[in-house]
N, C-alpha and C. Protein backbone atom coordinates (compact mmCIF):
# COMPACT_ATOMS: atom_id res chain seq x y z
N MET A 1 -33.97 -8.57 -138.21
CA MET A 1 -32.78 -7.95 -138.75
C MET A 1 -31.74 -7.92 -137.64
N LEU A 2 -30.49 -8.05 -138.07
CA LEU A 2 -29.40 -8.08 -137.11
C LEU A 2 -28.19 -7.45 -137.77
N GLY A 3 -27.41 -6.70 -137.00
CA GLY A 3 -26.21 -6.08 -137.56
C GLY A 3 -25.07 -6.15 -136.57
N TRP A 4 -23.86 -6.13 -137.09
CA TRP A 4 -22.67 -6.12 -136.26
C TRP A 4 -21.71 -5.10 -136.84
N ASN A 5 -21.42 -4.07 -136.05
CA ASN A 5 -20.50 -3.01 -136.45
C ASN A 5 -19.31 -3.08 -135.51
N ASN A 6 -18.10 -3.10 -136.04
CA ASN A 6 -16.92 -3.23 -135.20
C ASN A 6 -15.77 -2.44 -135.81
N GLU A 7 -14.87 -1.97 -134.94
CA GLU A 7 -13.67 -1.30 -135.40
C GLU A 7 -12.48 -1.91 -134.68
N ILE A 8 -11.44 -2.20 -135.44
CA ILE A 8 -10.20 -2.76 -134.89
C ILE A 8 -9.09 -1.76 -135.18
N ARG A 9 -8.37 -1.37 -134.13
CA ARG A 9 -7.28 -0.42 -134.29
C ARG A 9 -5.97 -1.08 -133.88
N VAL A 10 -4.98 -0.91 -134.72
CA VAL A 10 -3.62 -1.36 -134.44
C VAL A 10 -2.69 -0.22 -134.82
N SER A 11 -2.07 0.35 -133.81
CA SER A 11 -1.19 1.50 -134.01
C SER A 11 -1.99 2.62 -134.68
N ASP A 12 -1.56 3.09 -135.82
CA ASP A 12 -2.25 4.17 -136.52
C ASP A 12 -3.23 3.68 -137.59
N PHE A 13 -3.41 2.37 -137.69
CA PHE A 13 -4.31 1.79 -138.69
C PHE A 13 -5.62 1.36 -138.03
N SER A 14 -6.68 1.42 -138.81
CA SER A 14 -7.98 0.95 -138.31
C SER A 14 -8.74 0.26 -139.44
N ILE A 15 -9.51 -0.72 -139.05
CA ILE A 15 -10.43 -1.41 -139.97
C ILE A 15 -11.79 -1.40 -139.29
N ARG A 16 -12.77 -0.88 -140.00
CA ARG A 16 -14.13 -0.84 -139.50
C ARG A 16 -15.03 -1.57 -140.49
N PHE A 17 -15.93 -2.38 -139.97
CA PHE A 17 -16.84 -3.11 -140.86
C PHE A 17 -18.24 -3.16 -140.27
N LEU A 18 -19.19 -3.32 -141.16
CA LEU A 18 -20.59 -3.49 -140.79
C LEU A 18 -21.12 -4.69 -141.55
N ILE A 19 -21.52 -5.70 -140.80
CA ILE A 19 -22.16 -6.89 -141.38
C ILE A 19 -23.61 -6.85 -140.92
N ASP A 20 -24.53 -6.96 -141.85
CA ASP A 20 -25.93 -7.00 -141.43
C ASP A 20 -26.66 -8.14 -142.11
N GLY A 21 -27.73 -8.54 -141.47
CA GLY A 21 -28.49 -9.67 -142.00
C GLY A 21 -29.97 -9.49 -141.77
N ARG A 22 -30.71 -10.11 -142.65
CA ARG A 22 -32.16 -10.19 -142.54
C ARG A 22 -32.49 -11.67 -142.50
N PHE A 23 -33.28 -12.07 -141.54
CA PHE A 23 -33.60 -13.48 -141.37
C PHE A 23 -35.11 -13.67 -141.46
N GLY A 24 -35.51 -14.49 -142.42
CA GLY A 24 -36.93 -14.76 -142.62
C GLY A 24 -37.54 -13.83 -143.65
N GLY A 25 -38.81 -14.02 -143.88
CA GLY A 25 -39.53 -13.24 -144.87
C GLY A 25 -39.44 -13.89 -146.24
N GLU A 26 -40.23 -13.39 -147.14
CA GLU A 26 -40.25 -13.92 -148.51
C GLU A 26 -40.20 -12.78 -149.51
N VAL A 27 -39.59 -13.06 -150.66
CA VAL A 27 -39.53 -12.12 -151.76
C VAL A 27 -39.97 -12.83 -153.02
N MET A 28 -40.33 -12.07 -154.03
CA MET A 28 -40.84 -12.66 -155.27
C MET A 28 -40.13 -12.06 -156.48
N SER A 29 -39.85 -12.93 -157.46
CA SER A 29 -39.22 -12.48 -158.69
C SER A 29 -40.23 -12.51 -159.84
N VAL A 30 -40.83 -11.37 -160.11
CA VAL A 30 -41.72 -11.25 -161.27
C VAL A 30 -40.89 -11.33 -162.55
N THR A 31 -39.63 -10.93 -162.48
CA THR A 31 -38.73 -11.03 -163.63
C THR A 31 -38.66 -12.47 -164.12
N GLU A 32 -38.39 -13.41 -163.21
CA GLU A 32 -38.30 -14.82 -163.60
C GLU A 32 -39.64 -15.34 -164.12
N ALA A 33 -40.73 -14.92 -163.50
CA ALA A 33 -42.05 -15.37 -163.94
C ALA A 33 -42.33 -14.93 -165.38
N LEU A 34 -42.00 -13.70 -165.70
CA LEU A 34 -42.24 -13.20 -167.05
C LEU A 34 -41.30 -13.85 -168.06
N LEU A 35 -40.04 -14.02 -167.70
CA LEU A 35 -39.10 -14.68 -168.61
C LEU A 35 -39.53 -16.12 -168.90
N ASP A 36 -40.05 -16.80 -167.89
CA ASP A 36 -40.56 -18.16 -168.09
C ASP A 36 -41.79 -18.16 -168.99
N GLU A 37 -42.69 -17.21 -168.77
CA GLU A 37 -43.91 -17.14 -169.59
C GLU A 37 -43.56 -16.93 -171.07
N PHE A 38 -42.55 -16.10 -171.33
CA PHE A 38 -42.15 -15.83 -172.71
C PHE A 38 -41.22 -16.90 -173.27
N GLY A 39 -40.78 -17.84 -172.41
CA GLY A 39 -39.93 -18.94 -172.87
C GLY A 39 -38.49 -18.55 -173.15
N VAL A 40 -37.96 -17.52 -172.49
CA VAL A 40 -36.61 -17.06 -172.77
C VAL A 40 -35.64 -17.26 -171.60
N SER A 41 -36.02 -18.02 -170.60
CA SER A 41 -35.15 -18.27 -169.45
C SER A 41 -34.37 -19.57 -169.63
N GLU A 42 -33.32 -19.73 -168.85
CA GLU A 42 -32.55 -20.98 -168.87
C GLU A 42 -33.44 -22.14 -168.45
N ARG A 43 -34.35 -21.90 -167.51
CA ARG A 43 -35.25 -22.94 -167.01
C ARG A 43 -36.14 -23.48 -168.14
N THR A 44 -36.69 -22.58 -168.97
CA THR A 44 -37.55 -23.05 -170.06
C THR A 44 -36.74 -23.71 -171.17
N ALA A 45 -35.52 -23.23 -171.39
CA ALA A 45 -34.65 -23.88 -172.40
C ALA A 45 -34.33 -25.31 -171.98
N ALA A 46 -34.03 -25.51 -170.70
CA ALA A 46 -33.73 -26.87 -170.21
C ALA A 46 -34.95 -27.76 -170.33
N ALA A 47 -36.14 -27.22 -170.05
CA ALA A 47 -37.38 -28.00 -170.17
C ALA A 47 -37.65 -28.37 -171.63
N ARG A 48 -37.40 -27.45 -172.56
CA ARG A 48 -37.59 -27.77 -173.98
C ARG A 48 -36.61 -28.85 -174.42
N ASP A 49 -35.35 -28.74 -173.98
CA ASP A 49 -34.34 -29.74 -174.34
C ASP A 49 -34.67 -31.11 -173.76
N ALA A 50 -35.32 -31.13 -172.60
CA ALA A 50 -35.69 -32.39 -171.95
C ALA A 50 -36.98 -32.98 -172.52
N GLY A 51 -37.64 -32.27 -173.41
CA GLY A 51 -38.88 -32.76 -174.00
C GLY A 51 -40.13 -32.40 -173.21
N GLY A 52 -40.01 -31.54 -172.25
CA GLY A 52 -41.15 -31.09 -171.45
C GLY A 52 -40.81 -31.04 -169.98
N VAL A 53 -41.82 -30.73 -169.17
CA VAL A 53 -41.68 -30.63 -167.73
C VAL A 53 -42.28 -31.88 -167.11
N THR A 54 -41.51 -32.54 -166.27
CA THR A 54 -41.98 -33.76 -165.60
C THR A 54 -42.95 -33.38 -164.50
N VAL A 55 -44.12 -34.00 -164.51
CA VAL A 55 -45.15 -33.75 -163.51
C VAL A 55 -45.73 -35.08 -163.03
N ASN A 56 -46.43 -35.04 -161.95
CA ASN A 56 -47.15 -36.20 -161.43
C ASN A 56 -48.61 -35.77 -161.34
N ALA A 57 -49.37 -35.97 -162.43
CA ALA A 57 -50.73 -35.45 -162.50
C ALA A 57 -51.66 -36.45 -163.17
N VAL A 58 -52.92 -36.09 -163.21
CA VAL A 58 -53.95 -36.92 -163.84
C VAL A 58 -54.78 -36.01 -164.73
N SER A 59 -55.06 -36.46 -165.96
CA SER A 59 -55.88 -35.67 -166.88
C SER A 59 -57.35 -35.75 -166.47
N GLU A 60 -58.18 -34.93 -167.15
CA GLU A 60 -59.62 -34.92 -166.85
C GLU A 60 -60.24 -36.28 -167.09
N SER A 61 -59.70 -37.06 -168.02
CA SER A 61 -60.25 -38.38 -168.31
C SER A 61 -59.72 -39.46 -167.37
N GLY A 62 -58.85 -39.10 -166.44
CA GLY A 62 -58.34 -40.07 -165.47
C GLY A 62 -57.01 -40.69 -165.87
N GLN A 63 -56.45 -40.31 -167.01
CA GLN A 63 -55.18 -40.85 -167.47
C GLN A 63 -54.02 -40.19 -166.71
N ALA A 64 -52.99 -40.97 -166.42
CA ALA A 64 -51.80 -40.43 -165.75
C ALA A 64 -51.05 -39.53 -166.73
N VAL A 65 -50.59 -38.39 -166.23
CA VAL A 65 -49.82 -37.45 -167.02
C VAL A 65 -48.46 -37.31 -166.36
N THR A 66 -47.40 -37.59 -167.12
CA THR A 66 -46.04 -37.52 -166.55
C THR A 66 -45.22 -36.38 -167.14
N SER A 67 -45.67 -35.80 -168.25
CA SER A 67 -44.92 -34.72 -168.87
C SER A 67 -45.87 -33.73 -169.54
N ILE A 68 -45.52 -32.47 -169.45
CA ILE A 68 -46.29 -31.40 -170.08
C ILE A 68 -45.31 -30.62 -170.95
N PRO A 69 -45.69 -30.25 -172.18
CA PRO A 69 -44.79 -29.44 -173.01
C PRO A 69 -44.39 -28.15 -172.27
N ALA A 70 -43.15 -27.74 -172.43
CA ALA A 70 -42.61 -26.58 -171.70
C ALA A 70 -43.43 -25.32 -171.93
N ASP A 71 -43.84 -25.07 -173.18
CA ASP A 71 -44.59 -23.84 -173.45
C ASP A 71 -45.96 -23.84 -172.77
N VAL A 72 -46.59 -25.00 -172.68
CA VAL A 72 -47.89 -25.09 -172.01
C VAL A 72 -47.72 -24.91 -170.49
N TYR A 73 -46.75 -25.61 -169.92
CA TYR A 73 -46.53 -25.53 -168.47
C TYR A 73 -46.16 -24.11 -168.05
N TYR A 74 -45.13 -23.53 -168.67
CA TYR A 74 -44.67 -22.21 -168.26
C TYR A 74 -45.63 -21.10 -168.69
N GLY A 75 -46.45 -21.35 -169.70
CA GLY A 75 -47.50 -20.41 -170.04
C GLY A 75 -48.56 -20.33 -168.95
N ALA A 76 -48.73 -21.45 -168.20
CA ALA A 76 -49.72 -21.48 -167.11
C ALA A 76 -49.16 -20.98 -165.79
N VAL A 77 -47.91 -21.34 -165.47
CA VAL A 77 -47.36 -20.95 -164.16
C VAL A 77 -46.60 -19.63 -164.21
N GLY A 78 -46.09 -19.23 -165.37
CA GLY A 78 -45.31 -18.00 -165.48
C GLY A 78 -46.18 -16.77 -165.64
N GLY A 79 -45.53 -15.64 -165.72
CA GLY A 79 -46.25 -14.38 -165.93
C GLY A 79 -46.82 -13.81 -164.65
N ARG A 80 -47.49 -12.67 -164.80
CA ARG A 80 -48.06 -11.99 -163.63
C ARG A 80 -49.32 -12.67 -163.12
N GLN A 81 -50.04 -13.35 -163.99
CA GLN A 81 -51.27 -14.02 -163.56
C GLN A 81 -51.06 -15.51 -163.33
N GLY A 82 -49.84 -15.99 -163.43
CA GLY A 82 -49.57 -17.41 -163.28
C GLY A 82 -49.57 -17.86 -161.83
N ILE A 83 -49.19 -19.10 -161.65
CA ILE A 83 -49.07 -19.66 -160.31
C ILE A 83 -47.68 -19.28 -159.82
N THR A 84 -47.60 -18.31 -158.95
CA THR A 84 -46.31 -17.70 -158.61
C THR A 84 -45.50 -18.46 -157.57
N GLU A 85 -45.95 -19.60 -157.15
CA GLU A 85 -45.24 -20.39 -156.14
C GLU A 85 -43.78 -20.66 -156.51
N ASN A 86 -43.50 -20.88 -157.79
CA ASN A 86 -42.14 -21.17 -158.24
C ASN A 86 -41.20 -19.97 -158.13
N TYR A 87 -41.74 -18.79 -157.89
CA TYR A 87 -40.94 -17.57 -157.94
C TYR A 87 -40.85 -16.86 -156.59
N ILE A 88 -41.22 -17.57 -155.53
CA ILE A 88 -41.13 -17.06 -154.17
C ILE A 88 -39.85 -17.62 -153.54
N TYR A 89 -39.05 -16.73 -152.93
CA TYR A 89 -37.78 -17.13 -152.33
C TYR A 89 -37.68 -16.63 -150.90
N ASP A 90 -36.86 -17.29 -150.13
CA ASP A 90 -36.56 -16.88 -148.77
C ASP A 90 -35.75 -15.59 -148.82
N ALA A 91 -36.12 -14.59 -148.05
CA ALA A 91 -35.44 -13.29 -148.06
C ALA A 91 -34.21 -13.25 -147.17
N THR A 92 -33.89 -14.35 -146.50
CA THR A 92 -32.74 -14.39 -145.61
C THR A 92 -31.46 -14.06 -146.37
N ASN A 93 -30.70 -13.11 -145.83
CA ASN A 93 -29.41 -12.76 -146.44
C ASN A 93 -28.51 -12.11 -145.40
N ILE A 94 -27.21 -12.32 -145.58
CA ILE A 94 -26.20 -11.70 -144.73
C ILE A 94 -25.20 -11.06 -145.68
N ARG A 95 -24.85 -9.80 -145.42
CA ARG A 95 -23.96 -9.10 -146.35
C ARG A 95 -22.93 -8.26 -145.60
N LEU A 96 -21.82 -8.02 -146.29
CA LEU A 96 -20.84 -7.05 -145.81
C LEU A 96 -21.33 -5.71 -146.33
N ARG A 97 -21.99 -4.96 -145.47
CA ARG A 97 -22.61 -3.70 -145.88
C ARG A 97 -21.58 -2.59 -146.06
N GLU A 98 -20.56 -2.58 -145.18
CA GLU A 98 -19.57 -1.51 -145.28
C GLU A 98 -18.23 -1.99 -144.73
N LEU A 99 -17.14 -1.55 -145.38
CA LEU A 99 -15.79 -1.83 -144.93
C LEU A 99 -14.97 -0.56 -145.12
N SER A 100 -14.24 -0.19 -144.07
CA SER A 100 -13.41 1.01 -144.12
C SER A 100 -12.03 0.67 -143.58
N ILE A 101 -11.00 1.06 -144.32
CA ILE A 101 -9.62 0.86 -143.89
C ILE A 101 -8.98 2.25 -143.81
N GLY A 102 -8.49 2.60 -142.61
CA GLY A 102 -7.99 3.96 -142.41
C GLY A 102 -6.61 4.01 -141.80
N TYR A 103 -6.02 5.18 -141.94
CA TYR A 103 -4.69 5.44 -141.38
C TYR A 103 -4.71 6.82 -140.75
N LYS A 104 -4.27 6.89 -139.49
CA LYS A 104 -4.19 8.17 -138.78
C LYS A 104 -2.83 8.78 -139.08
N LEU A 105 -2.87 9.95 -139.70
CA LEU A 105 -1.63 10.64 -140.08
C LEU A 105 -0.93 11.17 -138.84
N PRO A 106 0.41 11.25 -138.88
CA PRO A 106 1.14 11.81 -137.74
C PRO A 106 0.67 13.23 -137.43
N VAL A 107 0.61 13.54 -136.15
CA VAL A 107 0.17 14.87 -135.70
C VAL A 107 1.06 15.94 -136.30
N GLY A 108 0.46 17.00 -136.79
CA GLY A 108 1.22 18.13 -137.31
C GLY A 108 1.33 18.18 -138.81
N ILE A 109 1.05 17.08 -139.52
CA ILE A 109 1.18 17.10 -140.98
C ILE A 109 0.21 18.11 -141.58
N LEU A 110 -1.00 18.13 -141.08
CA LEU A 110 -1.99 19.08 -141.61
C LEU A 110 -2.41 20.09 -140.54
N GLY A 111 -1.61 20.22 -139.49
CA GLY A 111 -1.92 21.19 -138.45
C GLY A 111 -2.87 20.69 -137.39
N GLY A 112 -3.17 19.40 -137.33
CA GLY A 112 -4.08 18.84 -136.33
C GLY A 112 -4.23 17.35 -136.58
N ASP A 113 -5.25 16.78 -135.96
CA ASP A 113 -5.53 15.36 -136.17
C ASP A 113 -6.07 15.16 -137.58
N ALA A 114 -5.57 14.11 -138.22
CA ALA A 114 -6.04 13.81 -139.58
C ALA A 114 -6.07 12.31 -139.79
N LYS A 115 -7.08 11.85 -140.49
CA LYS A 115 -7.21 10.43 -140.79
C LYS A 115 -7.69 10.29 -142.23
N ILE A 116 -7.06 9.42 -142.97
CA ILE A 116 -7.51 9.11 -144.33
C ILE A 116 -8.00 7.67 -144.35
N SER A 117 -8.98 7.40 -145.17
CA SER A 117 -9.50 6.05 -145.26
C SER A 117 -10.16 5.82 -146.61
N ILE A 118 -10.21 4.55 -146.98
CA ILE A 118 -10.99 4.15 -148.15
C ILE A 118 -12.20 3.39 -147.62
N VAL A 119 -13.32 3.58 -148.30
CA VAL A 119 -14.58 3.03 -147.83
C VAL A 119 -15.27 2.31 -148.98
N GLY A 120 -15.78 1.13 -148.70
CA GLY A 120 -16.60 0.40 -149.67
C GLY A 120 -17.95 0.08 -149.05
N ARG A 121 -19.01 0.26 -149.80
CA ARG A 121 -20.36 -0.01 -149.29
C ARG A 121 -21.07 -1.01 -150.19
N ASN A 122 -21.88 -1.86 -149.54
CA ASN A 122 -22.66 -2.90 -150.23
C ASN A 122 -21.73 -3.79 -151.06
N LEU A 123 -20.71 -4.32 -150.41
CA LEU A 123 -19.63 -5.00 -151.12
C LEU A 123 -20.01 -6.38 -151.64
N PHE A 124 -20.55 -7.24 -150.78
CA PHE A 124 -20.93 -8.57 -151.26
C PHE A 124 -21.80 -9.27 -150.22
N PHE A 125 -22.46 -10.35 -150.68
CA PHE A 125 -23.29 -11.17 -149.80
C PHE A 125 -22.44 -12.30 -149.24
N LEU A 126 -22.58 -12.54 -147.95
CA LEU A 126 -21.97 -13.71 -147.33
C LEU A 126 -22.90 -14.90 -147.49
N SER A 127 -24.20 -14.63 -147.54
CA SER A 127 -25.21 -15.66 -147.73
C SER A 127 -26.45 -15.01 -148.34
N LYS A 128 -27.03 -15.67 -149.33
CA LYS A 128 -28.24 -15.13 -149.98
C LYS A 128 -28.99 -16.30 -150.60
N LYS A 129 -30.30 -16.37 -150.38
CA LYS A 129 -31.09 -17.47 -150.90
C LYS A 129 -31.90 -17.09 -152.14
N ALA A 130 -32.15 -15.81 -152.35
CA ALA A 130 -32.90 -15.35 -153.52
C ALA A 130 -31.92 -15.06 -154.66
N PRO A 131 -32.37 -15.13 -155.91
CA PRO A 131 -31.47 -14.85 -157.04
C PRO A 131 -31.27 -13.35 -157.30
N PHE A 132 -31.76 -12.51 -156.41
CA PHE A 132 -31.61 -11.06 -156.52
C PHE A 132 -31.46 -10.50 -155.12
N ASP A 133 -31.16 -9.21 -155.02
CA ASP A 133 -31.02 -8.56 -153.71
C ASP A 133 -32.39 -8.48 -153.04
N PRO A 134 -32.58 -9.17 -151.92
CA PRO A 134 -33.89 -9.17 -151.26
C PRO A 134 -34.32 -7.80 -150.72
N ASP A 135 -33.41 -6.85 -150.60
CA ASP A 135 -33.76 -5.52 -150.12
C ASP A 135 -34.28 -4.62 -151.23
N VAL A 136 -34.39 -5.15 -152.44
CA VAL A 136 -34.84 -4.35 -153.57
C VAL A 136 -36.30 -3.93 -153.38
N THR A 137 -36.63 -2.75 -153.87
CA THR A 137 -38.02 -2.29 -153.86
C THR A 137 -38.39 -1.86 -155.27
N ALA A 138 -39.63 -2.09 -155.63
CA ALA A 138 -40.09 -1.73 -156.97
C ALA A 138 -40.71 -0.34 -157.00
N SER A 139 -40.64 0.37 -155.89
CA SER A 139 -41.18 1.73 -155.86
C SER A 139 -40.44 2.53 -154.80
N THR A 140 -40.78 3.77 -154.66
CA THR A 140 -40.16 4.60 -153.62
C THR A 140 -40.91 4.47 -152.30
N ASP A 141 -41.99 3.74 -152.27
CA ASP A 141 -42.76 3.51 -151.07
C ASP A 141 -42.48 2.10 -150.57
N VAL A 142 -43.09 1.71 -149.47
CA VAL A 142 -42.87 0.35 -148.94
C VAL A 142 -43.88 -0.65 -149.49
N GLY A 143 -44.76 -0.22 -150.38
CA GLY A 143 -45.82 -1.08 -150.89
C GLY A 143 -45.34 -2.26 -151.72
N LEU A 144 -44.26 -2.11 -152.46
CA LEU A 144 -43.77 -3.19 -153.32
C LEU A 144 -42.38 -3.66 -152.87
N GLN A 145 -42.14 -3.66 -151.59
CA GLN A 145 -40.85 -4.09 -151.06
C GLN A 145 -40.70 -5.59 -151.26
N GLY A 146 -39.51 -6.00 -151.71
CA GLY A 146 -39.22 -7.42 -151.87
C GLY A 146 -39.76 -8.03 -153.15
N ILE A 147 -40.15 -7.22 -154.12
CA ILE A 147 -40.63 -7.73 -155.39
C ILE A 147 -39.68 -7.25 -156.48
N ASP A 148 -39.10 -8.19 -157.19
CA ASP A 148 -38.16 -7.89 -158.26
C ASP A 148 -38.90 -7.85 -159.59
N ILE A 149 -38.94 -6.70 -160.23
CA ILE A 149 -39.57 -6.56 -161.55
C ILE A 149 -38.53 -5.90 -162.46
N PHE A 150 -37.67 -6.70 -163.05
CA PHE A 150 -36.60 -6.23 -163.92
C PHE A 150 -35.80 -5.10 -163.27
N SER A 151 -35.49 -5.29 -161.99
CA SER A 151 -34.75 -4.28 -161.24
C SER A 151 -33.28 -4.28 -161.63
N LEU A 152 -32.66 -3.13 -161.48
CA LEU A 152 -31.22 -3.03 -161.69
C LEU A 152 -30.51 -3.69 -160.52
N PRO A 153 -29.30 -4.19 -160.74
CA PRO A 153 -28.54 -4.77 -159.62
C PRO A 153 -28.26 -3.72 -158.55
N SER A 154 -28.07 -4.19 -157.34
CA SER A 154 -27.72 -3.28 -156.25
C SER A 154 -26.40 -2.59 -156.56
N THR A 155 -26.28 -1.36 -156.14
CA THR A 155 -25.06 -0.61 -156.41
C THR A 155 -24.02 -0.87 -155.34
N ARG A 156 -22.81 -0.96 -155.76
CA ARG A 156 -21.65 -1.08 -154.88
C ARG A 156 -20.89 0.21 -155.04
N SER A 157 -20.45 0.81 -153.95
CA SER A 157 -19.74 2.08 -154.07
C SER A 157 -18.43 2.05 -153.30
N PHE A 158 -17.49 2.82 -153.80
CA PHE A 158 -16.18 2.97 -153.18
C PHE A 158 -15.90 4.45 -153.03
N GLY A 159 -15.24 4.81 -151.94
CA GLY A 159 -14.96 6.21 -151.73
C GLY A 159 -13.68 6.42 -150.93
N PHE A 160 -13.36 7.67 -150.79
CA PHE A 160 -12.19 8.10 -150.07
C PHE A 160 -12.64 9.12 -149.03
N ASN A 161 -12.10 9.02 -147.83
CA ASN A 161 -12.53 9.90 -146.76
C ASN A 161 -11.30 10.55 -146.13
N LEU A 162 -11.39 11.85 -145.92
CA LEU A 162 -10.34 12.60 -145.22
C LEU A 162 -11.02 13.31 -144.06
N SER A 163 -10.59 12.99 -142.84
CA SER A 163 -11.19 13.57 -141.65
C SER A 163 -10.13 14.43 -140.97
N LEU A 164 -10.48 15.70 -140.75
CA LEU A 164 -9.54 16.65 -140.11
C LEU A 164 -10.12 17.16 -138.81
N GLY A 165 -9.25 17.29 -137.81
CA GLY A 165 -9.65 17.86 -136.53
C GLY A 165 -8.67 18.94 -136.11
N PHE A 166 -9.19 20.12 -135.75
CA PHE A 166 -8.31 21.22 -135.38
C PHE A 166 -8.59 21.65 -133.96
């Protein structure tokens, strides 16, 4: 993990930002696996439209197999008991975690030092390889960290800050 926090001040204005990143690791999307098993994902629709999933395999009798029907293929690889290799992603991501834009009010307006600012948190990803937020957890413990099971999207928040000094 790596982070960069910086503040730039020009006259009475300031911009503060926090960029952080996670490099390496793997995450899994059980959501995609289940949607594929039930045949309701874009991936399974494309396979049905194409007439099946292209494979390079051999049947038990030794015959070459080049295509498998989409429902058979995704019924075997999808779901919780399927072959989950297709649903493992690189957890590497870089995001703008926080951005704050502030203005220092002239001395005496509120009887002392005062600064107002707007703050945004978890604003956007600069780079992400997984189809979901890799920091997601499926529980309140660390046991299911990095596993997406129909998780809600990450929350983005905006706020206003007033800092007074007397």
